Amino acid sequence: AAAEDDAHGAAGSSDAKAEDTGADAQNTA
């Protein structure tokens, strides 16, 4: 697949996105 910005930090980015998504969900709720 296409190269990612930071292969080793991909998981961290995913976690950050998950946190943002969770915060958005809480705000929406």
ModelCIF file with pLDDT and N, C-alpha, C, O atoms, coordinates in Angstrom:
data_MODEL
#
_entry.id   MODEL 
#
_entity.id                         1 
_entity.type                       polymer 
_entity.pdbx_number_of_molecules   1 
#
_entity_poly.entity_id                      1 
_entity_poly.type                           'polypeptide(L)' 
_entity_poly.nstd_linkage                   no 
_entity_poly.nstd_monomer                   no 
_entity_poly.pdbx_seq_one_letter_code       AAAEDDAHGAAGSSDAKAEDTGADAQNTA 
_entity_poly.pdbx_seq_one_letter_code_can   AAAEDDAHGAAGSSDAKAEDTGADAQNTA 
_entity_poly.pdbx_strand_id                 A 
#
loop_
_entity_poly_seq.entity_id 
_entity_poly_seq.num 
_entity_poly_seq.mon_id 
_entity_poly_seq.hetero 
1 1  ALA n 
1 2  ALA n 
1 3  ALA n 
1 4  GLU n 
1 5  ASP n 
1 6  ASP n 
1 7  ALA n 
1 8  HIS n 
1 9  GLY n 
1 10 ALA n 
1 11 ALA n 
1 12 GLY n 
1 13 SER n 
1 14 SER n 
1 15 ASP n 
1 16 ALA n 
1 17 LYS n 
1 18 ALA n 
1 19 GLU n 
1 20 ASP n 
1 21 THR n 
1 22 GLY n 
1 23 ALA n 
1 24 ASP n 
1 25 ALA n 
1 26 GLN n 
1 27 ASN n 
1 28 THR n 
1 29 ALA n 
#
_struct_asym.id          A 
_struct_asym.entity_id   1 
#
loop_
_ma_qa_metric.id 
_ma_qa_metric.mode 
_ma_qa_metric.name 
_ma_qa_metric.software_group_id 
_ma_qa_metric.type 
1 global pLDDT . pLDDT 
2 local  pLDDT . pLDDT 
#
_ma_qa_metric_global.metric_id      1 
_ma_qa_metric_global.metric_value   49.97 
_ma_qa_metric_global.model_id       1 
_ma_qa_metric_global.ordinal_id     1 
#
loop_
_ma_qa_metric_local.label_asym_id 
_ma_qa_metric_local.label_comp_id 
_ma_qa_metric_local.label_seq_id 
_ma_qa_metric_local.metric_id 
_ma_qa_metric_local.metric_value 
_ma_qa_metric_local.model_id 
_ma_qa_metric_local.ordinal_id 
A ALA 1  2 97.00 1 1  
A ALA 2  2 95.00 1 2  
A ALA 3  2 90.00 1 3  
A GLU 4  2 79.00 1 4  
A ASP 5  2 68.00 1 5  
A ASP 6  2 54.00 1 6  
A ALA 7  2 43.00 1 7  
A HIS 8  2 46.00 1 8  
A GLY 9  2 39.00 1 9  
A ALA 10 2 41.00 1 10 
A ALA 11 2 38.00 1 11 
A GLY 12 2 36.00 1 12 
A SER 13 2 38.00 1 13 
A SER 14 2 39.00 1 14 
A ASP 15 2 40.00 1 15 
A ALA 16 2 40.00 1 16 
A LYS 17 2 40.00 1 17 
A ALA 18 2 39.00 1 18 
A GLU 19 2 42.00 1 19 
A ASP 20 2 44.00 1 20 
A THR 21 2 41.00 1 21 
A GLY 22 2 45.00 1 22 
A ALA 23 2 44.00 1 23 
A ASP 24 2 48.00 1 24 
A ALA 25 2 43.00 1 25 
A GLN 26 2 46.00 1 26 
A ASN 27 2 47.00 1 27 
A THR 28 2 44.00 1 28 
A ALA 29 2 43.00 1 29 
#
loop_
_atom_site.group_PDB 
_atom_site.id 
_atom_site.type_symbol 
_atom_site.label_atom_id 
_atom_site.label_alt_id 
_atom_site.label_comp_id 
_atom_site.label_asym_id 
_atom_site.label_entity_id 
_atom_site.label_seq_id 
_atom_site.pdbx_PDB_ins_code 
_atom_site.Cartn_x 
_atom_site.Cartn_y 
_atom_site.Cartn_z 
_atom_site.occupancy 
_atom_site.B_iso_or_equiv 
_atom_site.pdbx_formal_charge 
_atom_site.auth_seq_id 
_atom_site.auth_comp_id 
_atom_site.auth_asym_id 
_atom_site.auth_atom_id 
_atom_site.pdbx_PDB_model_num 
ATOM 1   N N  . ALA A 1 1  ? 0.845   -1.199 0.000  1.00 97.00 ? 1  ALA A N  1 
ATOM 2   C CA . ALA A 1 1  ? 0.000   0.000  0.000  1.00 97.00 ? 1  ALA A CA 1 
ATOM 3   C C  . ALA A 1 1  ? 0.882   1.251  0.000  1.00 97.00 ? 1  ALA A C  1 
ATOM 4   O O  . ALA A 1 1  ? 2.092   1.167  0.206  1.00 97.00 ? 1  ALA A O  1 
ATOM 5   N N  . ALA A 1 2  ? 0.265   2.406  -0.233 1.00 95.00 ? 2  ALA A N  1 
ATOM 6   C CA . ALA A 1 2  ? 0.994   3.667  -0.247 1.00 95.00 ? 2  ALA A CA 1 
ATOM 7   C C  . ALA A 1 2  ? 1.645   3.908  1.106  1.00 95.00 ? 2  ALA A C  1 
ATOM 8   O O  . ALA A 1 2  ? 1.123   3.504  2.145  1.00 95.00 ? 2  ALA A O  1 
ATOM 9   N N  . ALA A 1 3  ? 2.796   4.576  1.074  1.00 90.00 ? 3  ALA A N  1 
ATOM 10  C CA . ALA A 1 3  ? 3.541   4.838  2.302  1.00 90.00 ? 3  ALA A CA 1 
ATOM 11  C C  . ALA A 1 3  ? 2.761   5.746  3.235  1.00 90.00 ? 3  ALA A C  1 
ATOM 12  O O  . ALA A 1 3  ? 2.066   6.660  2.792  1.00 90.00 ? 3  ALA A O  1 
ATOM 13  N N  . GLU A 1 4  ? 2.882   5.486  4.536  1.00 79.00 ? 4  GLU A N  1 
ATOM 14  C CA . GLU A 1 4  ? 2.248   6.331  5.536  1.00 79.00 ? 4  GLU A CA 1 
ATOM 15  C C  . GLU A 1 4  ? 3.252   7.397  5.982  1.00 79.00 ? 4  GLU A C  1 
ATOM 16  O O  . GLU A 1 4  ? 4.459   7.244  5.793  1.00 79.00 ? 4  GLU A O  1 
ATOM 17  N N  . ASP A 1 5  ? 2.734   8.485  6.580  1.00 68.00 ? 5  ASP A N  1 
ATOM 18  C CA . ASP A 1 5  ? 3.611   9.572  7.022  1.00 68.00 ? 5  ASP A CA 1 
ATOM 19  C C  . ASP A 1 5  ? 4.624   9.089  8.040  1.00 68.00 ? 5  ASP A C  1 
ATOM 20  O O  . ASP A 1 5  ? 5.800   9.449  7.988  1.00 68.00 ? 5  ASP A O  1 
ATOM 21  N N  . ASP A 1 6  ? 4.154   8.269  8.966  1.00 54.00 ? 6  ASP A N  1 
ATOM 22  C CA . ASP A 1 6  ? 5.031   7.736  10.010 1.00 54.00 ? 6  ASP A CA 1 
ATOM 23  C C  . ASP A 1 6  ? 4.602   6.314  10.305 1.00 54.00 ? 6  ASP A C  1 
ATOM 24  O O  . ASP A 1 6  ? 3.651   6.076  11.050 1.00 54.00 ? 6  ASP A O  1 
ATOM 25  N N  . ALA A 1 7  ? 5.333   5.351  9.697  1.00 43.00 ? 7  ALA A N  1 
ATOM 26  C CA . ALA A 1 7  ? 4.933   3.948  9.822  1.00 43.00 ? 7  ALA A CA 1 
ATOM 27  C C  . ALA A 1 7  ? 4.915   3.488  11.270 1.00 43.00 ? 7  ALA A C  1 
ATOM 28  O O  . ALA A 1 7  ? 4.021   2.750  11.682 1.00 43.00 ? 7  ALA A O  1 
ATOM 29  N N  . HIS A 1 8  ? 5.946   3.943  12.072 1.00 46.00 ? 8  HIS A N  1 
ATOM 30  C CA . HIS A 1 8  ? 6.005   3.500  13.459 1.00 46.00 ? 8  HIS A CA 1 
ATOM 31  C C  . HIS A 1 8  ? 4.982   4.226  14.313 1.00 46.00 ? 8  HIS A C  1 
ATOM 32  O O  . HIS A 1 8  ? 4.547   3.697  15.336 1.00 46.00 ? 8  HIS A O  1 
ATOM 33  N N  . GLY A 1 9  ? 4.586   5.447  13.906 1.00 39.00 ? 9  GLY A N  1 
ATOM 34  C CA . GLY A 1 9  ? 3.637   6.216  14.697 1.00 39.00 ? 9  GLY A CA 1 
ATOM 35  C C  . GLY A 1 9  ? 2.219   6.060  14.232 1.00 39.00 ? 9  GLY A C  1 
ATOM 36  O O  . GLY A 1 9  ? 1.331   6.786  14.679 1.00 39.00 ? 9  GLY A O  1 
ATOM 37  N N  . ALA A 1 10 ? 1.990   5.111  13.329 1.00 41.00 ? 10 ALA A N  1 
ATOM 38  C CA . ALA A 1 10 ? 0.645   4.931  12.785 1.00 41.00 ? 10 ALA A CA 1 
ATOM 39  C C  . ALA A 1 10 ? -0.350  4.573  13.873 1.00 41.00 ? 10 ALA A C  1 
ATOM 40  O O  . ALA A 1 10 ? -1.479  5.062  13.888 1.00 41.00 ? 10 ALA A O  1 
ATOM 41  N N  . ALA A 1 11 ? 0.090   3.703  14.793 1.00 38.00 ? 11 ALA A N  1 
ATOM 42  C CA . ALA A 1 11 ? -0.818  3.286  15.858 1.00 38.00 ? 11 ALA A CA 1 
ATOM 43  C C  . ALA A 1 11 ? -1.165  4.465  16.746 1.00 38.00 ? 11 ALA A C  1 
ATOM 44  O O  . ALA A 1 11 ? -2.316  4.624  17.153 1.00 38.00 ? 11 ALA A O  1 
ATOM 45  N N  . GLY A 1 12 ? -0.146  5.315  17.055 1.00 36.00 ? 12 GLY A N  1 
ATOM 46  C CA . GLY A 1 12 ? -0.394  6.479  17.874 1.00 36.00 ? 12 GLY A CA 1 
ATOM 47  C C  . GLY A 1 12 ? -1.372  7.416  17.221 1.00 36.00 ? 12 GLY A C  1 
ATOM 48  O O  . GLY A 1 12 ? -2.249  7.972  17.881 1.00 36.00 ? 12 GLY A O  1 
ATOM 49  N N  . SER A 1 13 ? -1.224  7.595  15.901 1.00 38.00 ? 13 SER A N  1 
ATOM 50  C CA . SER A 1 13 ? -2.145  8.465  15.180 1.00 38.00 ? 13 SER A CA 1 
ATOM 51  C C  . SER A 1 13 ? -3.550  7.917  15.253 1.00 38.00 ? 13 SER A C  1 
ATOM 52  O O  . SER A 1 13 ? -4.518  8.660  15.413 1.00 38.00 ? 13 SER A O  1 
ATOM 53  N N  . SER A 1 14 ? -3.650  6.592  15.133 1.00 39.00 ? 14 SER A N  1 
ATOM 54  C CA . SER A 1 14 ? -4.971  5.973  15.198 1.00 39.00 ? 14 SER A CA 1 
ATOM 55  C C  . SER A 1 14 ? -5.594  6.193  16.567 1.00 39.00 ? 14 SER A C  1 
ATOM 56  O O  . SER A 1 14 ? -6.791  6.454  16.683 1.00 39.00 ? 14 SER A O  1 
ATOM 57  N N  . ASP A 1 15 ? -4.744  6.081  17.631 1.00 40.00 ? 15 ASP A N  1 
ATOM 58  C CA . ASP A 1 15 ? -5.258  6.291  18.972 1.00 40.00 ? 15 ASP A CA 1 
ATOM 59  C C  . ASP A 1 15 ? -5.739  7.722  19.151 1.00 40.00 ? 15 ASP A C  1 
ATOM 60  O O  . ASP A 1 15 ? -6.780  7.971  19.759 1.00 40.00 ? 15 ASP A O  1 
ATOM 61  N N  . ALA A 1 16 ? -4.949  8.680  18.600 1.00 40.00 ? 16 ALA A N  1 
ATOM 62  C CA . ALA A 1 16 ? -5.337  10.085 18.721 1.00 40.00 ? 16 ALA A CA 1 
ATOM 63  C C  . ALA A 1 16 ? -6.654  10.333 18.012 1.00 40.00 ? 16 ALA A C  1 
ATOM 64  O O  . ALA A 1 16 ? -7.527  11.042 18.514 1.00 40.00 ? 16 ALA A O  1 
ATOM 65  N N  . LYS A 1 17 ? -6.784  9.728  16.816 1.00 40.00 ? 17 LYS A N  1 
ATOM 66  C CA . LYS A 1 17 ? -8.033  9.881  16.071 1.00 40.00 ? 17 LYS A CA 1 
ATOM 67  C C  . LYS A 1 17 ? -9.194  9.274  16.853 1.00 40.00 ? 17 LYS A C  1 
ATOM 68  O O  . LYS A 1 17 ? -10.300 9.813  16.880 1.00 40.00 ? 17 LYS A O  1 
ATOM 69  N N  . ALA A 1 18 ? -8.910  8.133  17.491 1.00 39.00 ? 18 ALA A N  1 
ATOM 70  C CA . ALA A 1 18 ? -9.965  7.475  18.264 1.00 39.00 ? 18 ALA A CA 1 
ATOM 71  C C  . ALA A 1 18 ? -10.397 8.370  19.420 1.00 39.00 ? 18 ALA A C  1 
ATOM 72  O O  . ALA A 1 18 ? -11.586 8.482  19.720 1.00 39.00 ? 18 ALA A O  1 
ATOM 73  N N  . GLU A 1 19 ? -9.386  9.029  20.088 1.00 42.00 ? 19 GLU A N  1 
ATOM 74  C CA . GLU A 1 19 ? -9.724  9.916  21.189 1.00 42.00 ? 19 GLU A CA 1 
ATOM 75  C C  . GLU A 1 19 ? -10.552 11.093 20.704 1.00 42.00 ? 19 GLU A C  1 
ATOM 76  O O  . GLU A 1 19 ? -11.547 11.465 21.327 1.00 42.00 ? 19 GLU A O  1 
ATOM 77  N N  . ASP A 1 20 ? -10.124 11.688 19.561 1.00 44.00 ? 20 ASP A N  1 
ATOM 78  C CA . ASP A 1 20 ? -10.878 12.808 18.999 1.00 44.00 ? 20 ASP A CA 1 
ATOM 79  C C  . ASP A 1 20 ? -12.296 12.388 18.671 1.00 44.00 ? 20 ASP A C  1 
ATOM 80  O O  . ASP A 1 20 ? -13.260 13.108 18.931 1.00 44.00 ? 20 ASP A O  1 
ATOM 81  N N  . THR A 1 21 ? -12.396 11.178 18.079 1.00 41.00 ? 21 THR A N  1 
ATOM 82  C CA . THR A 1 21 ? -13.724 10.674 17.726 1.00 41.00 ? 21 THR A CA 1 
ATOM 83  C C  . THR A 1 21 ? -14.574 10.487 18.970 1.00 41.00 ? 21 THR A C  1 
ATOM 84  O O  . THR A 1 21 ? -15.765 10.797 18.977 1.00 41.00 ? 21 THR A O  1 
ATOM 85  N N  . GLY A 1 22 ? -13.931 9.963  20.051 1.00 45.00 ? 22 GLY A N  1 
ATOM 86  C CA . GLY A 1 22 ? -14.665 9.772  21.296 1.00 45.00 ? 22 GLY A CA 1 
ATOM 87  C C  . GLY A 1 22 ? -15.129 11.096 21.876 1.00 45.00 ? 22 GLY A C  1 
ATOM 88  O O  . GLY A 1 22 ? -16.256 11.206 22.360 1.00 45.00 ? 22 GLY A O  1 
ATOM 89  N N  . ALA A 1 23 ? -14.236 12.131 21.828 1.00 44.00 ? 23 ALA A N  1 
ATOM 90  C CA . ALA A 1 23 ? -14.609 13.445 22.348 1.00 44.00 ? 23 ALA A CA 1 
ATOM 91  C C  . ALA A 1 23 ? -15.758 14.028 21.543 1.00 44.00 ? 23 ALA A C  1 
ATOM 92  O O  . ALA A 1 23 ? -16.704 14.586 22.099 1.00 44.00 ? 23 ALA A O  1 
ATOM 93  N N  . ASP A 1 24 ? -15.660 13.889 20.212 1.00 48.00 ? 24 ASP A N  1 
ATOM 94  C CA . ASP A 1 24 ? -16.741 14.394 19.356 1.00 48.00 ? 24 ASP A CA 1 
ATOM 95  C C  . ASP A 1 24 ? -18.052 13.691 19.682 1.00 48.00 ? 24 ASP A C  1 
ATOM 96  O O  . ASP A 1 24 ? -19.118 14.305 19.709 1.00 48.00 ? 24 ASP A O  1 
ATOM 97  N N  . ALA A 1 25 ? -17.945 12.392 19.928 1.00 43.00 ? 25 ALA A N  1 
ATOM 98  C CA . ALA A 1 25 ? -19.155 11.616 20.232 1.00 43.00 ? 25 ALA A CA 1 
ATOM 99  C C  . ALA A 1 25 ? -19.773 12.097 21.538 1.00 43.00 ? 25 ALA A C  1 
ATOM 100 O O  . ALA A 1 25 ? -20.993 12.208 21.658 1.00 43.00 ? 25 ALA A O  1 
ATOM 101 N N  . GLN A 1 26 ? -18.892 12.387 22.538 1.00 46.00 ? 26 GLN A N  1 
ATOM 102 C CA . GLN A 1 26 ? -19.405 12.861 23.814 1.00 46.00 ? 26 GLN A CA 1 
ATOM 103 C C  . GLN A 1 26 ? -20.075 14.221 23.665 1.00 46.00 ? 26 GLN A C  1 
ATOM 104 O O  . GLN A 1 26 ? -21.144 14.471 24.222 1.00 46.00 ? 26 GLN A O  1 
ATOM 105 N N  . ASN A 1 27 ? -19.406 15.116 22.881 1.00 47.00 ? 27 ASN A N  1 
ATOM 106 C CA . ASN A 1 27 ? -19.986 16.439 22.658 1.00 47.00 ? 27 ASN A CA 1 
ATOM 107 C C  . ASN A 1 27 ? -21.333 16.332 21.951 1.00 47.00 ? 27 ASN A C  1 
ATOM 108 O O  . ASN A 1 27 ? -22.293 17.026 22.284 1.00 47.00 ? 27 ASN A O  1 
ATOM 109 N N  . THR A 1 28 ? -21.368 15.434 20.960 1.00 44.00 ? 28 THR A N  1 
ATOM 110 C CA . THR A 1 28 ? -22.615 15.235 20.222 1.00 44.00 ? 28 THR A CA 1 
ATOM 111 C C  . THR A 1 28 ? -23.705 14.714 21.140 1.00 44.00 ? 28 THR A C  1 
ATOM 112 O O  . THR A 1 28 ? -24.861 15.131 21.066 1.00 44.00 ? 28 THR A O  1 
ATOM 113 N N  . ALA A 1 29 ? -23.304 13.779 22.020 1.00 43.00 ? 29 ALA A N  1 
ATOM 114 C CA . ALA A 1 29 ? -24.280 13.225 22.965 1.00 43.00 ? 29 ALA A CA 1 
ATOM 115 C C  . ALA A 1 29 ? -24.782 14.306 23.908 1.00 43.00 ? 29 ALA A C  1 
ATOM 116 O O  . ALA A 1 29 ? -25.611 14.032 24.776 1.00 43.00 ? 29 ALA A O  1 
#
